[in-house]
């Protein structure tokens, strides 16, 4: 069954942006999760953050060294609450490993990711203004609002 099931208060968060460009960029979502871990009063809420769809064999402009330096500086990495993963089927990954998806887009406000996850009942925190009524919407680059949305999820 690929449908959402609440596994409790501690949440594992998945990020599916592959870092191909600013349109599909994982860094804003990663920083949202880092700040959620730092600011939410219930520190057990963020149990783990999975950054998926990162392919070090990708021949694009992806700067793996810079990305890794950023990741190593984060509390969620240093406390072993974060891992970088290969590409997975989204619904399979959610059903096996995660509870919430956090996404950030720029100029891609109708990504099927949000619709697929919401259709199956998975909480998706996103900033896609053309589907504000899907999941947990935060405005633009408002990371604080995204953290509030994460905190709202049961």
Protein backbone atom coordinates (compact mmCIF):
# COMPACT_ATOMS: atom_id res chain seq x y z
CA UNK A 1 0.00 0.00 0.00
CA UNK A 2 1.48 3.33 -1.08
CA UNK A 3 -1.00 5.49 0.84
CA UNK A 4 -0.08 7.73 3.77
CA UNK A 5 -0.02 6.30 7.24
CA UNK A 6 0.82 8.32 10.31
CA UNK A 7 3.76 6.69 12.09
CA UNK A 8 3.74 9.01 15.10
CA UNK A 9 5.05 12.37 16.21
CA UNK A 10 8.64 11.91 15.05
CA UNK A 11 8.77 12.68 11.34
CA UNK A 12 11.11 11.53 8.60
CA UNK A 13 11.24 14.11 5.83
CA UNK A 14 11.97 13.44 2.16
CA UNK A 15 13.24 15.95 -0.38
CA UNK A 16 12.96 14.92 -4.03
CA UNK A 17 14.56 17.80 -5.97
CA UNK A 18 17.55 16.48 -7.95
CA UNK A 19 19.65 19.69 -7.99
CA UNK A 20 19.60 20.01 -11.77
CA UNK A 21 19.03 23.77 -11.79
CA UNK A 22 17.50 26.54 -9.71
CA UNK A 23 14.11 25.22 -10.82
CA UNK A 24 14.81 21.77 -9.33
CA UNK A 25 17.06 22.68 -6.41
CA UNK A 26 17.19 20.86 -3.08
CA UNK A 27 19.09 23.47 -1.06
CA UNK A 28 16.10 25.62 0.01
CA UNK A 29 14.24 22.52 1.23
CA UNK A 30 17.35 21.29 3.05
CA UNK A 31 17.70 24.65 4.81
CA UNK A 32 14.01 24.59 5.76
CA UNK A 33 14.58 21.19 7.42
CA UNK A 34 17.76 22.41 9.13
CA UNK A 35 15.94 25.41 10.56
CA UNK A 36 12.95 23.25 11.57
CA UNK A 37 15.33 21.10 13.60
CA UNK A 38 16.86 24.19 15.19
CA UNK A 39 13.65 26.09 15.98
CA UNK A 40 10.75 23.74 16.63
CA UNK A 41 10.12 23.26 20.33
CA UNK A 42 9.62 19.52 19.90
CA UNK A 43 13.15 18.55 18.82
CA UNK A 44 12.03 14.98 18.19
CA UNK A 45 9.79 16.10 15.34
CA UNK A 46 12.59 15.87 12.74
CA UNK A 47 13.83 12.31 13.08
CA UNK A 48 15.59 12.15 9.71
CA UNK A 49 15.88 14.06 6.43
CA UNK A 50 16.39 12.12 3.21
CA UNK A 51 17.66 14.12 0.25
CA UNK A 52 16.87 11.90 -2.70
CA UNK A 53 17.54 11.97 -6.44
CA UNK A 54 21.11 13.18 -6.06
CA UNK A 55 23.33 11.49 -8.63
CA UNK A 56 27.07 12.09 -8.30
CA UNK A 57 27.53 10.56 -11.77
CA UNK A 58 25.39 13.30 -13.31
CA UNK A 59 27.31 15.20 -15.99
CA UNK A 60 25.35 18.45 -15.48
CA UNK A 61 26.62 21.64 -13.88
CA UNK A 62 25.98 20.20 -10.40
CA UNK A 63 28.84 21.18 -8.08
CA UNK A 64 29.15 18.18 -5.79
CA UNK A 65 32.07 19.61 -3.77
CA UNK A 66 30.20 22.81 -2.87
CA UNK A 67 27.02 20.85 -2.12
CA UNK A 68 28.93 18.47 0.18
CA UNK A 69 30.62 21.36 2.02
CA UNK A 70 27.22 22.91 2.68
CA UNK A 71 25.74 19.60 3.85
CA UNK A 72 28.64 18.90 6.23
CA UNK A 73 28.08 22.27 7.95
CA UNK A 74 24.49 21.45 8.95
CA UNK A 75 23.37 20.24 12.38
CA UNK A 76 21.08 17.63 10.82
CA UNK A 77 24.09 16.10 9.05
CA UNK A 78 26.42 16.33 12.05
CA UNK A 79 23.86 14.63 14.29
CA UNK A 80 23.33 11.89 11.68
CA UNK A 81 19.74 12.98 11.02
CA UNK A 82 20.36 13.47 7.31
CA UNK A 83 21.40 11.32 4.37
CA UNK A 84 21.79 11.88 0.65
CA UNK A 85 20.22 9.13 -1.43
CA UNK A 86 20.01 7.98 -5.04
CA UNK A 87 16.88 8.22 -7.20
CA UNK A 88 13.81 6.33 -5.98
CA UNK A 89 10.19 5.98 -7.00
CA UNK A 90 8.51 8.72 -4.97
CA UNK A 91 5.51 6.83 -3.60
CA UNK A 92 7.58 3.73 -2.83
CA UNK A 93 10.12 5.86 -0.95
CA UNK A 94 7.43 7.61 1.06
CA UNK A 95 5.69 4.35 1.98
CA UNK A 96 8.94 2.71 3.11
CA UNK A 97 11.05 5.50 4.59
CA UNK A 98 9.38 8.86 5.04
CA UNK A 99 6.41 10.70 6.54
CA UNK A 100 6.51 14.18 5.01
CA UNK A 101 7.83 15.62 1.76
CA UNK A 102 9.25 19.13 1.73
CA UNK A 103 9.64 20.80 -1.63
CA UNK A 104 10.71 24.13 -3.03
CA UNK A 105 10.17 25.28 -6.58
CA UNK A 106 10.96 28.27 -8.68
CA UNK A 107 9.04 28.70 -11.95
CA UNK A 108 7.65 25.14 -11.79
CA UNK A 109 4.35 25.64 -9.90
CA UNK A 110 2.59 22.58 -11.34
CA UNK A 111 5.07 19.82 -10.56
CA UNK A 112 3.30 16.45 -10.56
CA UNK A 113 5.18 15.55 -7.37
CA UNK A 114 2.75 17.58 -5.25
CA UNK A 115 -0.31 16.13 -6.93
CA UNK A 116 0.92 12.52 -6.74
CA UNK A 117 1.75 12.76 -3.05
CA UNK A 118 -1.41 14.60 -2.08
CA UNK A 119 -3.58 12.16 -4.05
CA UNK A 120 -2.21 9.34 -1.92
CA UNK A 121 -2.67 11.36 1.29
CA UNK A 122 1.00 12.18 1.95
CA UNK A 123 1.74 15.55 3.61
CA UNK A 124 3.58 17.75 1.12
CA UNK A 125 4.98 21.11 2.23
CA UNK A 126 5.51 23.23 -0.89
CA UNK A 127 5.48 26.73 -2.37
CA UNK A 128 3.73 26.05 -5.70
CA UNK A 129 1.30 28.97 -5.96
CA UNK A 130 -0.83 27.36 -8.69
CA UNK A 131 -1.86 24.55 -6.33
CA UNK A 132 -2.12 26.35 -2.98
CA UNK A 133 -5.02 24.11 -1.95
CA UNK A 134 -2.87 20.95 -2.24
CA UNK A 135 -1.02 19.87 0.89
CA UNK A 136 0.66 22.50 3.08
CA UNK A 137 1.43 25.64 1.10
CA UNK A 138 4.00 28.27 2.09
CA UNK A 139 4.51 31.51 0.21
CA UNK A 140 7.56 32.08 -2.04
CA UNK A 141 10.84 31.76 -0.17
CA UNK A 142 9.26 32.06 3.29
CA UNK A 143 11.15 29.34 5.15
CA UNK A 144 9.62 30.34 8.49
CA UNK A 145 6.16 29.75 7.08
CA UNK A 146 7.33 26.36 5.74
CA UNK A 147 8.50 25.42 9.25
CA UNK A 148 5.08 26.41 10.62
CA UNK A 149 3.49 24.09 8.05
CA UNK A 150 5.78 21.22 9.08
CA UNK A 151 4.79 21.84 12.70
CA UNK A 152 1.08 21.67 11.75
CA UNK A 153 1.35 18.12 10.40
CA UNK A 154 0.06 15.46 12.84
